[in-house]
Amino acid sequence: MNDKIKILLAMIIFGSIGIFVKNINLPSLEIAFLRATIGSLFLFSFSVIGKQKIFISRIRENVIPLILSGIAIGFNWILLFQAYKYTTVSIATISYYFAPMFVIIAAPFILKEKLTGTKLACLIAALIGIVMILNSGESAGEFSQNIKGILYGLSGAALYATVVLTNKFIKGLSGFDTTLIQLVVSAITLLPFIIYRGEIMKVSTLGAKGIMFVLIVGVIHTGIAYLLYFTAMKSLESHSIAILSYIDPISAVVFSTLLLSESITVVQIIGGIIVLLSTFLVERVGKLPLQNLEK
């Protein structure tokens, strides 16, 4: 399969995750835990079957950033899934794509990178885009729910920004190995919360449809999508991946509108375009590893 087709398919899969999460009658914590568990088992099975060597010594060398980023991924998913519960999939996804702006804010302090005029302009533009998304013209109750969803999406974006920044300190590990360990850490981190809240048995309350959706999120949206992404990115230039990655939010808007009949106003569409263009320009100008903003 052509590598660009692989990236394209991965982004379409990522863009559709909200459709399935919205139809899983479980708390966001449990969905995130199941996704991390099923996804890590799938990737580990693939590495065993494909006889891919896992470099334990390199994992030990990067243990701290791997643990920190793994923890962040787990809670980042919880926040993103919460965003889906309170607002539309399209608005939640666009809010989540604010992550590069959080990287811009933190990079001068953590990575000692200069905050240029272009980056600052992109940040301001993205903030304007978010304000436009908030201007939905809804009733007070719907507006309140929408605000909660956007705040959850932005909080998830902030956590994902920590993953992007932490990954900068991981050396000598492939993207596949890094993701596998991060998923394992995420599952282990979330397990105590699942046990404490007594939610581990709630899976048994799901019908066949719910269980199927959980498996789709774990196997297809995590295992297969990540495999497509990492096997393709080896031979593609970063700018090609960056451009193709924006199929994710675009497809999320399309799926949200067509399959869930979720509405989005013209003002919100314009605001979303401004946010996505700003993040794209940041990636192009700043040369930050933002093209892998996979969910």
Foldseek 3Di string as FASTA:
>chain_A
DALLVLLLVLLLLLLCLLVLLLVAPAQQLVLLLLQLVLQLVLLVVVCVVVVPDQDPVLCVVLVVLLLLLLQLLSVLSNLLSLLSVLAFLLLLVLLLLLLLLLLLVCCCPQVVDDNDPLLVVLNVLLVVLNVLLLPFPDDPVSSVSNVSSSVSSNVSSNSVNSSLSSVVPRPDDAPSSSSSSSSVSSNVVSVVVCVVVVPPCVVVVDDPSNVVSSSCSNCVSRNSSVVSNRVSVVPDDQLSLQVSSVSNSVSNVVCRCPVVVHDGDPSNVVSSVSNSVSSSVCCVVVVGNSSPSRD
